[in-house]
Amino acid sequence: VDSVFGSGQSVLELPRSVTVLTPELMKRFALENLGDLGRIGAGTQVANYFGIPGTPYIRGVKASTFFNGMARAYQRNEMPVSFGSLEALDLVKGPTPAHMGPAPEGGYANFIPKSPYFDRSRGSLGITLGANNKRRMQLDYGSPVLVGDWPAAYRVSLTVQDSGSYWRNVDNDYVSLYAALKIRPNSDFSVFTAAEYYDFHSNENPGWNRVTQDLI
């Protein structure tokens, strides 16, 4: 694991509880936002603050969010964190290592961004239809290129969702457009840059939730 304590180590050597969610596991558990963390085990729920999961809660307390090892601003309910730019996730239970800066005591989720392909061109198209009028489409493509005489690669991912939710008049609509470029001048040095456009549309759920048999 490279993203938890610096240089690559075996998970068995880490003094923390670490769950490494590979791209395959992300698809298998259908993890599309922080609200889905409860599917992967106990102690990984998220606090739904006004119905919008903006930060993870691990072992019952607040946790941090990192993107490729860089701390993201803490937020509770401004908007859900976009999953359109990531393909894997490290979930760490326990205090964050000191070299990553001050963070809540619960632990942290480190997003592993979608990285360009250097071996060959690859592309995929996924369409999801579900309950509550959920419609989701994701188009992903990447290919190696040359930047001058240097080997490079790019990747573009577009995710569009039009969906309702369990609650009336609380939608979950967004557009995520992500692009990444990686350049390797030599085998010991590389430059990685990426950007995402994220447009989310919904509203808070300030109502009183009456527990029905369906909800149970």
Protein backbone atom coordinates (compact mmCIF):
# COMPACT_ATOMS: atom_id res chain seq x y z
CA VAL A 1 0.00 0.00 0.00
CA ASP A 2 1.65 3.25 -1.13
CA SER A 3 -0.90 5.81 -0.04
CA VAL A 4 -1.22 5.17 3.69
CA PHE A 5 2.22 5.63 5.25
CA GLY A 6 4.40 6.83 2.39
CA SER A 7 6.51 4.18 0.71
CA GLY A 8 4.93 0.87 -0.18
CA GLN A 9 4.43 -1.52 2.73
CA SER A 10 2.55 -4.69 3.39
CA VAL A 11 -0.85 -4.08 4.95
CA LEU A 12 0.23 -6.48 7.72
CA GLU A 13 2.97 -4.03 8.76
CA LEU A 14 0.67 -1.04 9.17
CA PRO A 15 -0.37 -0.12 12.74
CA ARG A 16 -3.89 0.70 11.59
CA SER A 17 -6.97 -1.06 10.29
CA VAL A 18 -6.77 -0.55 6.52
CA THR A 19 -9.37 -1.50 3.93
CA VAL A 20 -8.10 -1.26 0.36
CA LEU A 21 -11.00 -0.93 -2.06
CA THR A 22 -9.72 -1.80 -5.51
CA PRO A 23 -11.59 -0.77 -8.69
CA GLU A 24 -13.10 -4.26 -8.78
CA LEU A 25 -14.40 -3.98 -5.21
CA MET A 26 -15.73 -0.49 -5.89
CA LYS A 27 -17.86 -1.93 -8.69
CA ARG A 28 -18.88 -5.01 -6.73
CA PHE A 29 -20.16 -3.00 -3.76
CA ALA A 30 -21.56 -0.27 -6.07
CA LEU A 31 -19.77 2.48 -4.13
CA GLU A 32 -20.84 5.75 -5.72
CA ASN A 33 -20.66 8.18 -2.77
CA LEU A 34 -19.67 8.31 0.88
CA GLY A 35 -23.17 7.26 1.88
CA ASP A 36 -22.40 3.77 0.53
CA LEU A 37 -19.53 3.07 2.95
CA GLY A 38 -21.81 1.11 5.26
CA ARG A 39 -21.82 -1.72 2.72
CA ILE A 40 -18.20 -2.65 3.36
CA GLY A 41 -18.31 -3.35 7.08
CA ALA A 42 -19.01 -2.14 10.58
CA GLY A 43 -17.75 1.23 11.72
CA THR A 44 -17.65 2.75 8.23
CA GLN A 45 -20.96 4.56 8.18
CA VAL A 46 -21.38 8.18 7.20
CA ALA A 47 -23.33 10.87 9.00
CA ASN A 48 -26.20 12.01 6.79
CA TYR A 49 -26.25 15.66 7.78
CA PHE A 50 -29.48 17.05 6.28
CA GLY A 51 -29.48 14.08 3.92
CA ILE A 52 -26.20 14.92 2.12
CA PRO A 53 -23.17 12.73 2.97
CA GLY A 54 -20.25 15.13 2.78
CA THR A 55 -17.66 13.49 5.06
CA PRO A 56 -17.02 9.96 6.36
CA TYR A 57 -17.55 8.90 9.94
CA ILE A 58 -15.29 6.03 11.03
CA ARG A 59 -15.77 4.18 14.31
CA GLY A 60 -18.50 6.64 15.18
CA VAL A 61 -16.44 9.84 14.96
CA LYS A 62 -15.51 12.33 12.26
CA ALA A 63 -12.88 11.36 9.72
CA SER A 64 -10.90 13.13 7.03
CA THR A 65 -10.97 12.96 3.26
CA PHE A 66 -7.77 12.93 1.21
CA PHE A 67 -7.36 12.95 -2.55
CA ASN A 68 -4.17 11.17 -3.60
CA GLY A 69 -2.69 11.98 -0.19
CA MET A 70 -3.72 15.67 -0.24
CA ALA A 71 -6.16 16.83 2.43
CA ARG A 72 -9.51 18.11 1.23
CA ALA A 73 -11.44 20.81 3.06
CA TYR A 74 -13.72 19.41 5.73
CA GLN A 75 -17.38 19.80 4.89
CA ARG A 76 -20.53 18.17 6.19
CA ASN A 77 -23.41 18.95 3.88
CA GLU A 78 -22.38 21.45 1.21
CA MET A 79 -22.42 18.67 -1.37
CA PRO A 80 -21.54 14.97 -1.58
CA VAL A 81 -17.92 14.30 -2.50
CA SER A 82 -17.64 13.37 -6.16
CA PHE A 83 -16.65 9.78 -6.97
CA GLY A 84 -16.37 10.53 -10.69
CA SER A 85 -12.63 11.21 -10.44
CA LEU A 86 -11.53 8.18 -8.41
CA GLU A 87 -11.15 4.50 -9.13
CA ALA A 88 -10.00 3.12 -5.78
CA LEU A 89 -10.19 4.00 -2.10
CA ASP A 90 -8.11 3.42 1.02
CA LEU A 91 -10.16 3.46 4.20
CA VAL A 92 -8.04 3.78 7.35
CA LYS A 93 -9.49 3.39 10.85
CA GLY A 94 -7.49 5.16 13.52
CA PRO A 95 -5.53 8.40 13.90
CA THR A 96 -4.11 9.89 10.72
CA PRO A 97 -0.28 9.76 10.44
CA ALA A 98 1.37 12.99 11.58
CA HIS A 99 3.07 13.69 8.26
CA MET A 100 -0.37 14.06 6.63
CA GLY A 101 -1.27 17.00 8.86
CA PRO A 102 -3.94 17.60 11.52
CA ALA A 103 -7.11 15.60 10.99
CA PRO A 104 -10.10 14.26 12.96
CA GLU A 105 -9.38 11.25 15.15
CA GLY A 106 -11.61 8.71 13.43
CA GLY A 107 -9.35 8.01 10.50
CA TYR A 108 -9.57 8.95 6.87
CA ALA A 109 -10.63 7.97 3.37
CA ASN A 110 -7.95 8.47 0.73
CA PHE A 111 -9.27 8.71 -2.82
CA ILE A 112 -7.04 7.15 -5.48
CA PRO A 113 -7.60 9.16 -8.69
CA LYS A 114 -8.15 7.62 -12.08
CA SER A 115 -4.72 7.36 -13.64
CA PRO A 116 -3.89 7.38 -17.38
CA TYR A 117 -2.91 4.18 -19.19
CA PHE A 118 0.63 3.87 -20.57
CA ASP A 119 0.32 0.37 -22.00
CA ARG A 120 -2.58 0.70 -24.47
CA SER A 121 -5.81 2.53 -25.20
CA ARG A 122 -8.76 1.52 -23.06
CA GLY A 123 -12.36 2.63 -22.88
CA SER A 124 -15.60 1.68 -21.18
CA LEU A 125 -19.25 2.69 -21.10
CA GLY A 126 -21.50 1.89 -18.17
CA ILE A 127 -25.24 2.53 -17.81
CA THR A 128 -27.14 2.03 -14.55
CA LEU A 129 -30.92 2.01 -14.10
CA GLY A 130 -32.34 1.64 -10.62
CA ALA A 131 -35.03 2.46 -8.10
CA ASN A 132 -36.25 6.01 -7.50
CA ASN A 133 -35.89 6.81 -11.22
CA LYS A 134 -32.13 6.44 -11.08
CA ARG A 135 -30.34 6.86 -14.39
CA ARG A 136 -26.55 6.96 -14.46
CA MET A 137 -24.07 6.88 -17.31
CA GLN A 138 -20.28 6.79 -17.16
CA LEU A 139 -17.95 7.05 -20.15
CA ASP A 140 -14.25 6.49 -19.56
CA TYR A 141 -11.36 6.54 -22.06
CA GLY A 142 -7.58 6.75 -21.87
CA SER A 143 -4.65 6.32 -24.22
CA PRO A 144 -0.85 6.73 -24.39
CA VAL A 145 0.48 9.71 -26.37
CA LEU A 146 3.70 11.63 -26.91
CA VAL A 147 4.36 15.12 -25.56
CA GLY A 148 7.31 16.18 -27.64
CA ASP A 149 9.72 13.27 -27.26
CA TRP A 150 8.41 12.26 -23.85
CA PRO A 151 6.03 9.35 -23.30
CA ALA A 152 2.73 10.47 -21.82
CA ALA A 153 -0.84 9.32 -21.35
CA TYR A 154 -4.22 10.91 -20.80
CA ARG A 155 -7.57 9.83 -19.41
CA VAL A 156 -11.03 11.39 -19.60
CA SER A 157 -14.07 10.32 -17.61
CA LEU A 158 -17.63 11.65 -17.83
CA THR A 159 -20.26 10.67 -15.27
CA VAL A 160 -23.86 11.92 -15.52
CA GLN A 161 -26.63 11.01 -13.10
CA ASP A 162 -30.33 11.93 -13.02
CA SER A 163 -31.97 10.37 -10.00
CA GLY A 164 -34.51 10.78 -7.27
CA SER A 165 -34.09 9.36 -3.78
CA TYR A 166 -36.02 7.64 -1.02
CA TRP A 167 -37.42 11.02 0.01
CA ARG A 168 -39.81 13.03 -2.11
CA ASN A 169 -38.48 16.14 -3.84
CA VAL A 170 -34.88 15.34 -2.84
CA ASP A 171 -33.00 14.56 -6.04
CA ASN A 172 -29.46 13.34 -6.60
CA ASP A 173 -28.41 14.82 -9.94
CA TYR A 174 -24.85 15.64 -10.95
CA VAL A 175 -22.35 15.91 -13.78
CA SER A 176 -18.68 15.03 -13.27
CA LEU A 177 -16.12 15.64 -16.02
CA TYR A 178 -12.62 14.51 -15.11
CA ALA A 179 -9.41 14.72 -17.15
CA ALA A 180 -5.87 13.62 -16.26
CA LEU A 181 -2.48 13.81 -17.95
CA LYS A 182 0.71 12.05 -16.91
CA ILE A 183 4.13 12.67 -18.48
CA ARG A 184 7.26 10.55 -17.92
CA PRO A 185 10.46 12.35 -18.99
CA ASN A 186 12.41 9.36 -17.65
CA SER A 187 11.88 6.23 -15.57
CA ASP A 188 12.61 8.04 -12.28
CA PHE A 189 10.47 11.13 -12.76
CA SER A 190 6.87 11.76 -13.78
CA VAL A 191 4.43 14.67 -13.75
CA PHE A 192 0.75 14.06 -13.00
CA THR A 193 -1.95 16.69 -13.32
CA ALA A 194 -5.73 16.40 -13.28
CA ALA A 195 -8.86 18.51 -13.00
CA GLU A 196 -12.56 17.89 -12.44
CA TYR A 197 -15.71 19.83 -13.19
CA TYR A 198 -18.44 18.81 -10.76
CA ASP A 199 -21.99 20.19 -10.85
CA PHE A 200 -24.38 18.81 -8.23
CA HIS A 201 -28.10 19.57 -7.94
CA SER A 202 -30.27 18.62 -4.99
CA ASN A 203 -31.55 20.11 -1.77
CA GLU A 204 -31.24 19.42 1.92
CA ASN A 205 -33.66 17.12 3.67
CA PRO A 206 -34.67 19.00 6.83
CA GLY A 207 -37.83 16.96 7.43
CA TRP A 208 -38.76 14.62 10.21
CA ASN A 209 -38.13 11.02 9.20
CA ARG A 210 -40.95 8.73 10.27
CA VAL A 211 -39.65 5.17 10.45
CA THR A 212 -41.93 3.04 8.28
CA GLN A 213 -41.84 -0.68 7.67
CA ASP A 214 -40.32 -0.01 4.24
CA LEU A 215 -37.49 1.95 5.81
CA ILE A 216 -36.87 -0.80 8.37
